[in-house]
């Protein structure tokens, strides 16, 4: 059933956002390095490699520069137009085509690069990739301020590997265990809410069995 909703909603979204998609393509062609799309290998369902499509927001060789696949706040690799696209989440819109093609769902665990996937707790990895990865999901919603979290960490990479990814892995694994059409719609509306307000609509009174938040993240989540 979720796949049916994915096809319907992604098709509608592509049609609705087509003016935004077209304008963004033109702007990116005329600015920065002239690249429109950025395709990156991610770990998909059952560990199958997929290529997700994003609007280009960073320097071409960014995975081999600075902090690699981990993006920090005010990252110098992000292009001027890219800052707006990332903040507004417009850069993620091309992944609607990934959803339509079946590589992704609108809601699910966020697909990770191999390096980031291996930062998930080992015992949770197979569970996380037992469903289609999502354009949004619990990890995306709760870690909407991930770049801010890393900015104030004494050692950003260590904090990412030992605090952010272990908890994000627990959230994504919780989703796969609780996966239902009702939860699918709750997270769709929660995603829309957080994009427009910057605030999390979800709470543990709504999802009362979510994993406990680590103390070091309570100021952000």
C-alpha atoms as a PDB file:
ATOM      1  CA  UNK A   1       0.000   0.000   0.000  1.00  0.00           C
ATOM      2  CA  UNK A   2       2.816   2.423   0.868  1.00  0.00           C
ATOM      3  CA  UNK A   3       4.283   1.942  -2.610  1.00  0.00           C
ATOM      4  CA  UNK A   4       0.970   2.996  -4.162  1.00  0.00           C
ATOM      5  CA  UNK A   5       0.964   6.183  -2.092  1.00  0.00           C
ATOM      6  CA  UNK A   6       4.597   6.794  -3.050  1.00  0.00           C
ATOM      7  CA  UNK A   7       3.746   6.691  -6.761  1.00  0.00           C
ATOM      8  CA  UNK A   8       0.679   8.913  -6.397  1.00  0.00           C
ATOM      9  CA  UNK A   9       2.268  11.511  -4.106  1.00  0.00           C
ATOM     10  CA  UNK A  10       5.629  11.688  -5.909  1.00  0.00           C
ATOM     11  CA  UNK A  11       3.869  12.182  -9.256  1.00  0.00           C
ATOM     12  CA  UNK A  12       1.694  14.958  -7.834  1.00  0.00           C
ATOM     13  CA  UNK A  13       4.705  16.581  -6.145  1.00  0.00           C
ATOM     14  CA  UNK A  14       6.764  16.530  -9.352  1.00  0.00           C
ATOM     15  CA  UNK A  15       3.928  18.247 -11.219  1.00  0.00           C
ATOM     16  CA  UNK A  16       3.340  20.820  -8.447  1.00  0.00           C
ATOM     17  CA  UNK A  17       7.028  21.625  -8.023  1.00  0.00           C
ATOM     18  CA  UNK A  18       7.903  21.517 -11.738  1.00  0.00           C
ATOM     19  CA  UNK A  19       8.236  25.362 -11.945  1.00  0.00           C
ATOM     20  CA  UNK A  20      10.622  25.291  -8.959  1.00  0.00           C
ATOM     21  CA  UNK A  21      12.578  22.402 -10.483  1.00  0.00           C
ATOM     22  CA  UNK A  22      12.875  24.190 -13.826  1.00  0.00           C
ATOM     23  CA  UNK A  23      13.901  27.537 -12.311  1.00  0.00           C
ATOM     24  CA  UNK A  24      16.489  25.850 -10.105  1.00  0.00           C
ATOM     25  CA  UNK A  25      17.975  24.056 -13.118  1.00  0.00           C
ATOM     26  CA  UNK A  26      18.369  27.374 -14.960  1.00  0.00           C
ATOM     27  CA  UNK A  27      19.885  29.160 -11.942  1.00  0.00           C
ATOM     28  CA  UNK A  28      22.396  26.371 -11.297  1.00  0.00           C
ATOM     29  CA  UNK A  29      23.429  26.285 -14.961  1.00  0.00           C
ATOM     30  CA  UNK A  30      24.177  30.015 -14.845  1.00  0.00           C
ATOM     31  CA  UNK A  31      25.905  30.152 -11.448  1.00  0.00           C
ATOM     32  CA  UNK A  32      28.588  28.387  -9.429  1.00  0.00           C
ATOM     33  CA  UNK A  33      30.314  25.648 -11.402  1.00  0.00           C
ATOM     34  CA  UNK A  34      27.424  25.234 -13.849  1.00  0.00           C
ATOM     35  CA  UNK A  35      26.467  21.792 -12.550  1.00  0.00           C
ATOM     36  CA  UNK A  36      22.751  21.094 -12.150  1.00  0.00           C
ATOM     37  CA  UNK A  37      22.515  17.647 -10.592  1.00  0.00           C
ATOM     38  CA  UNK A  38      24.685  15.704  -8.210  1.00  0.00           C
ATOM     39  CA  UNK A  39      24.350  11.934  -8.098  1.00  0.00           C
ATOM     40  CA  UNK A  40      25.781  10.058  -5.159  1.00  0.00           C
ATOM     41  CA  UNK A  41      25.995   6.378  -4.285  1.00  0.00           C
ATOM     42  CA  UNK A  42      24.070   5.482  -1.154  1.00  0.00           C
ATOM     43  CA  UNK A  43      23.242   2.235   0.637  1.00  0.00           C
ATOM     44  CA  UNK A  44      19.722   1.218  -0.359  1.00  0.00           C
ATOM     45  CA  UNK A  45      17.309  -1.549   0.543  1.00  0.00           C
ATOM     46  CA  UNK A  46      19.043  -4.844   1.380  1.00  0.00           C
ATOM     47  CA  UNK A  47      22.379  -2.995   1.086  1.00  0.00           C
ATOM     48  CA  UNK A  48      21.925  -2.580  -2.663  1.00  0.00           C
ATOM     49  CA  UNK A  49      23.797   0.429  -4.001  1.00  0.00           C
ATOM     50  CA  UNK A  50      21.542   3.186  -5.349  1.00  0.00           C
ATOM     51  CA  UNK A  51      22.276   6.602  -6.813  1.00  0.00           C
ATOM     52  CA  UNK A  52      20.278   9.438  -5.336  1.00  0.00           C
ATOM     53  CA  UNK A  53      19.714  12.637  -7.296  1.00  0.00           C
ATOM     54  CA  UNK A  54      20.165  16.066  -5.727  1.00  0.00           C
ATOM     55  CA  UNK A  55      20.579  19.568  -7.017  1.00  0.00           C
ATOM     56  CA  UNK A  56      24.276  20.448  -6.954  1.00  0.00           C
ATOM     57  CA  UNK A  57      25.012  22.637  -3.930  1.00  0.00           C
ATOM     58  CA  UNK A  58      28.719  22.001  -3.313  1.00  0.00           C
ATOM     59  CA  UNK A  59      32.035  22.019  -5.138  1.00  0.00           C
ATOM     60  CA  UNK A  60      32.388  19.136  -7.599  1.00  0.00           C
ATOM     61  CA  UNK A  61      35.124  17.377  -5.649  1.00  0.00           C
ATOM     62  CA  UNK A  62      33.594  18.020  -2.218  1.00  0.00           C
ATOM     63  CA  UNK A  63      33.574  14.328  -1.038  1.00  0.00           C
ATOM     64  CA  UNK A  64      37.366  14.400  -1.289  1.00  0.00           C
ATOM     65  CA  UNK A  65      37.729  17.760   0.467  1.00  0.00           C
ATOM     66  CA  UNK A  66      37.391  18.897   4.074  1.00  0.00           C
ATOM     67  CA  UNK A  67      35.082  16.688   6.148  1.00  0.00           C
ATOM     68  CA  UNK A  68      34.231  14.380   3.235  1.00  0.00           C
ATOM     69  CA  UNK A  69      30.616  13.183   3.203  1.00  0.00           C
ATOM     70  CA  UNK A  70      29.842  14.917   6.513  1.00  0.00           C
ATOM     71  CA  UNK A  71      28.643  18.500   5.904  1.00  0.00           C
ATOM     72  CA  UNK A  72      29.348  21.074   8.597  1.00  0.00           C
ATOM     73  CA  UNK A  73      27.578  24.369   9.266  1.00  0.00           C
ATOM     74  CA  UNK A  74      29.037  27.186   7.103  1.00  0.00           C
ATOM     75  CA  UNK A  75      30.937  24.515   5.199  1.00  0.00           C
ATOM     76  CA  UNK A  76      33.224  26.365   2.727  1.00  0.00           C
ATOM     77  CA  UNK A  77      32.508  23.715   0.082  1.00  0.00           C
ATOM     78  CA  UNK A  78      28.877  24.837  -0.191  1.00  0.00           C
ATOM     79  CA  UNK A  79      28.267  27.216  -3.100  1.00  0.00           C
ATOM     80  CA  UNK A  80      26.373  30.523  -2.521  1.00  0.00           C
ATOM     81  CA  UNK A  81      23.135  29.373  -4.197  1.00  0.00           C
ATOM     82  CA  UNK A  82      23.619  25.996  -2.553  1.00  0.00           C
ATOM     83  CA  UNK A  83      23.180  27.499   0.911  1.00  0.00           C
ATOM     84  CA  UNK A  84      19.622  28.554   0.086  1.00  0.00           C
ATOM     85  CA  UNK A  85      18.818  25.278  -1.652  1.00  0.00           C
ATOM     86  CA  UNK A  86      20.018  23.274   1.351  1.00  0.00           C
ATOM     87  CA  UNK A  87      18.243  25.430   3.930  1.00  0.00           C
ATOM     88  CA  UNK A  88      14.944  25.308   2.007  1.00  0.00           C
ATOM     89  CA  UNK A  89      15.430  21.588   1.202  1.00  0.00           C
ATOM     90  CA  UNK A  90      14.869  22.349  -2.493  1.00  0.00           C
ATOM     91  CA  UNK A  91      18.106  20.477  -3.170  1.00  0.00           C
ATOM     92  CA  UNK A  92      16.329  17.255  -2.146  1.00  0.00           C
ATOM     93  CA  UNK A  93      13.405  17.605  -4.592  1.00  0.00           C
ATOM     94  CA  UNK A  94      15.015  15.647  -7.478  1.00  0.00           C
ATOM     95  CA  UNK A  95      14.831  12.567  -5.246  1.00  0.00           C
ATOM     96  CA  UNK A  96      11.117  12.520  -6.031  1.00  0.00           C
ATOM     97  CA  UNK A  97      12.249  10.766  -9.211  1.00  0.00           C
ATOM     98  CA  UNK A  98      14.100   8.185  -7.079  1.00  0.00           C
ATOM     99  CA  UNK A  99      10.805   7.611  -5.272  1.00  0.00           C
ATOM    100  CA  UNK A 100       8.863   7.301  -8.519  1.00  0.00           C
ATOM    101  CA  UNK A 101      11.395   4.787  -9.878  1.00  0.00           C
ATOM    102  CA  UNK A 102      11.162   2.663  -6.717  1.00  0.00           C
ATOM    103  CA  UNK A 103      14.665   3.143  -5.326  1.00  0.00           C
ATOM    104  CA  UNK A 104      13.250   5.152  -2.436  1.00  0.00           C
ATOM    105  CA  UNK A 105      10.044   5.845  -0.551  1.00  0.00           C
ATOM    106  CA  UNK A 106       8.750   9.229   0.578  1.00  0.00           C
ATOM    107  CA  UNK A 107       9.228   8.020   4.161  1.00  0.00           C
ATOM    108  CA  UNK A 108      11.892   5.670   5.456  1.00  0.00           C
ATOM    109  CA  UNK A 109      15.406   5.554   6.883  1.00  0.00           C
ATOM    110  CA  UNK A 110      17.530   8.162   5.147  1.00  0.00           C
ATOM    111  CA  UNK A 111      19.944   6.457   2.679  1.00  0.00           C
ATOM    112  CA  UNK A 112      23.554   6.880   3.790  1.00  0.00           C
ATOM    113  CA  UNK A 113      26.917   6.824   2.090  1.00  0.00           C
ATOM    114  CA  UNK A 114      28.900   3.681   2.878  1.00  0.00           C
ATOM    115  CA  UNK A 115      31.086   5.608   5.327  1.00  0.00           C
ATOM    116  CA  UNK A 116      28.056   6.965   7.231  1.00  0.00           C
ATOM    117  CA  UNK A 117      26.167   3.674   7.061  1.00  0.00           C
ATOM    118  CA  UNK A 118      29.053   1.970   8.837  1.00  0.00           C
ATOM    119  CA  UNK A 119      28.684   4.499  11.670  1.00  0.00           C
ATOM    120  CA  UNK A 120      25.291   2.963  12.497  1.00  0.00           C
ATOM    121  CA  UNK A 121      25.423   0.363  15.302  1.00  0.00           C
ATOM    122  CA  UNK A 122      26.385  -2.901  13.618  1.00  0.00           C
ATOM    123  CA  UNK A 123      23.469  -4.821  15.103  1.00  0.00           C
ATOM    124  CA  UNK A 124      20.929  -2.398  13.592  1.00  0.00           C
ATOM    125  CA  UNK A 125      22.254  -2.105  10.035  1.00  0.00           C
ATOM    126  CA  UNK A 126      20.362  -5.025   8.479  1.00  0.00           C
ATOM    127  CA  UNK A 127      17.140  -3.889  10.130  1.00  0.00           C
ATOM    128  CA  UNK A 128      17.578  -0.335   8.836  1.00  0.00           C
ATOM    129  CA  UNK A 129      18.000  -1.499   5.222  1.00  0.00           C
ATOM    130  CA  UNK A 130      15.112  -3.980   5.385  1.00  0.00           C
ATOM    131  CA  UNK A 131      12.809  -1.303   3.916  1.00  0.00           C
ATOM    132  CA  UNK A 132      13.172   1.259   1.143  1.00  0.00           C
ATOM    133  CA  UNK A 133      15.174   4.307   2.217  1.00  0.00           C
ATOM    134  CA  UNK A 134      13.198   7.531   2.465  1.00  0.00           C
ATOM    135  CA  UNK A 135      13.236  11.055   1.148  1.00  0.00           C
ATOM    136  CA  UNK A 136      12.366  11.909   4.752  1.00  0.00           C
ATOM    137  CA  UNK A 137      11.870  10.018   7.978  1.00  0.00           C
ATOM    138  CA  UNK A 138      12.537  10.071  11.699  1.00  0.00           C
ATOM    139  CA  UNK A 139      16.265  10.630  11.230  1.00  0.00           C
ATOM    140  CA  UNK A 140      15.677  13.573   8.890  1.00  0.00           C
ATOM    141  CA  UNK A 141      13.102  15.168  11.189  1.00  0.00           C
ATOM    142  CA  UNK A 142      14.992  14.820  14.470  1.00  0.00           C
ATOM    143  CA  UNK A 143      18.328  15.765  12.933  1.00  0.00           C
ATOM    144  CA  UNK A 144      17.123  18.758  10.933  1.00  0.00           C
ATOM    145  CA  UNK A 145      19.792  20.797  12.793  1.00  0.00           C
ATOM    146  CA  UNK A 146      22.600  18.281  12.347  1.00  0.00           C
ATOM    147  CA  UNK A 147      25.001  20.882  10.945  1.00  0.00           C
ATOM    148  CA  UNK A 148      24.381  23.067  14.005  1.00  0.00           C
ATOM    149  CA  UNK A 149      25.059  20.124  16.322  1.00  0.00           C
ATOM    150  CA  UNK A 150      28.378  19.500  14.601  1.00  0.00           C
ATOM    151  CA  UNK A 151      29.317  23.174  14.695  1.00  0.00           C
ATOM    152  CA  UNK A 152      29.407  23.226  18.494  1.00  0.00           C
ATOM    153  CA  UNK A 153      31.047  19.835  18.930  1.00  0.00           C
ATOM    154  CA  UNK A 154      34.638  19.876  20.138  1.00  0.00           C
ATOM    155  CA  UNK A 155      35.487  17.138  17.630  1.00  0.00           C
ATOM    156  CA  UNK A 156      32.792  17.167  14.921  1.00  0.00           C
ATOM    157  CA  UNK A 157      33.723  13.866  13.284  1.00  0.00           C
ATOM    158  CA  UNK A 158      33.980  12.014  16.598  1.00  0.00           C
ATOM    159  CA  UNK A 159      30.657  13.470  17.779  1.00  0.00           C
ATOM    160  CA  UNK A 160      29.048  12.413  14.491  1.00  0.00           C
ATOM    161  CA  UNK A 161      30.319   8.836  14.756  1.00  0.00           C
ATOM    162  CA  UNK A 162      29.782   8.262  18.478  1.00  0.00           C
ATOM    163  CA  UNK A 163      26.645  10.287  19.259  1.00  0.00           C
ATOM    164  CA  UNK A 164      24.644  11.333  16.179  1.00  0.00           C
ATOM    165  CA  UNK A 165      24.802   8.172  14.076  1.00  0.00           C
ATOM    166  CA  UNK A 166      24.209   5.681  16.918  1.00  0.00           C
ATOM    167  CA  UNK A 167      21.044   7.546  17.978  1.00  0.00           C
ATOM    168  CA  UNK A 168      19.948   8.139  14.412  1.00  0.00           C
ATOM    169  CA  UNK A 169      20.392   4.405  13.822  1.00  0.00           C
ATOM    170  CA  UNK A 170      18.128   3.632  16.789  1.00  0.00           C
ATOM    171  CA  UNK A 171      15.448   5.976  15.412  1.00  0.00           C
ATOM    172  CA  UNK A 172      15.622   4.449  11.933  1.00  0.00           C
ATOM    173  CA  UNK A 173      15.500   0.912  13.340  1.00  0.00           C
ATOM    174  CA  UNK A 174      12.498   1.903  15.484  1.00  0.00           C
ATOM    175  CA  UNK A 175      10.742   3.094  12.326  1.00  0.00           C
ATOM    176  CA  UNK A 176      11.284  -0.191  10.499  1.00  0.00           C
ATOM    177  CA  UNK A 177       9.889  -2.109  13.486  1.00  0.00           C
ATOM    178  CA  UNK A 178       6.803   0.145  13.753  1.00  0.00           C
ATOM    179  CA  UNK A 179       6.309   0.695  10.017  1.00  0.00           C
ATOM    180  CA  UNK A 180       2.663   1.269   9.113  1.00  0.00           C
ATOM    181  CA  UNK A 181       0.513   3.395   6.793  1.00  0.00           C
ATOM    182  CA  UNK A 182      -0.549   5.528   9.772  1.00  0.00           C
ATOM    183  CA  UNK A 183       3.078   6.235  10.716  1.00  0.00           C
ATOM    184  CA  UNK A 184       3.832   6.956   7.037  1.00  0.00           C
ATOM    185  CA  UNK A 185       1.246   9.761   6.992  1.00  0.00           C
ATOM    186  CA  UNK A 186       2.268  11.083  10.422  1.00  0.00           C
ATOM    187  CA  UNK A 187       5.850  11.484   9.200  1.00  0.00           C
ATOM    188  CA  UNK A 188       4.797  13.082   5.904  1.00  0.00           C
ATOM    189  CA  UNK A 189       2.865  15.799   7.737  1.00  0.00           C
ATOM    190  CA  UNK A 190       5.641  16.120  10.323  1.00  0.00           C
ATOM    191  CA  UNK A 191       8.180  16.655   7.528  1.00  0.00           C
ATOM    192  CA  UNK A 192       6.072  19.423   5.972  1.00  0.00           C
ATOM    193  CA  UNK A 193       5.706  21.046   9.396  1.00  0.00           C
ATOM    194  CA  UNK A 194       9.420  20.981  10.207  1.00  0.00           C
ATOM    195  CA  UNK A 195      10.394  22.340   6.766  1.00  0.00           C
ATOM    196  CA  UNK A 196       8.105  25.367   7.140  1.00  0.00           C
ATOM    197  CA  UNK A 197       8.501  26.033  10.880  1.00  0.00           C
ATOM    198  CA  UNK A 198      11.843  24.513  11.815  1.00  0.00           C
ATOM    199  CA  UNK A 199      10.143  22.817  14.762  1.00  0.00           C
ATOM    200  CA  UNK A 200       9.422  19.150  15.437  1.00  0.00           C
ATOM    201  CA  UNK A 201       5.713  18.349  15.575  1.00  0.00           C
ATOM    202  CA  UNK A 202       6.339  14.862  16.918  1.00  0.00           C
ATOM    203  CA  UNK A 203       6.703  14.204  20.613  1.00  0.00           C
ATOM    204  CA  UNK A 204       7.063  11.164  22.776  1.00  0.00           C
ATOM    205  CA  UNK A 205       3.444  11.578  23.796  1.00  0.00           C
ATOM    206  CA  UNK A 206       2.549  10.822  20.183  1.00  0.00           C
ATOM    207  CA  UNK A 207       5.232   8.195  19.561  1.00  0.00           C
ATOM    208  CA  UNK A 208       5.568   6.910  23.094  1.00  0.00           C
ATOM    209  CA  UNK A 209       8.155   4.190  22.553  1.00  0.00           C
ATOM    210  CA  UNK A 210      10.870   6.173  20.764  1.00  0.00           C
ATOM    211  CA  UNK A 211      14.445   5.494  21.908  1.00  0.00           C
ATOM    212  CA  UNK A 212      15.613   7.772  24.738  1.00  0.00           C
ATOM    213  CA  UNK A 213      17.464  10.877  23.561  1.00  0.00           C
ATOM    214  CA  UNK A 214      21.150  11.034  24.616  1.00  0.00           C
ATOM    215  CA  UNK A 215      21.885  13.840  27.090  1.00  0.00           C
ATOM    216  CA  UNK A 216      24.322  15.458  24.666  1.00  0.00           C
ATOM    217  CA  UNK A 217      21.501  15.904  22.129  1.00  0.00           C
ATOM    218  CA  UNK A 218      18.696  17.137  24.396  1.00  0.00           C
ATOM    219  CA  UNK A 219      19.385  20.795  23.589  1.00  0.00           C
ATOM    220  CA  UNK A 220      18.827  20.131  19.892  1.00  0.00           C
ATOM    221  CA  UNK A 221      16.046  17.525  19.776  1.00  0.00           C
END
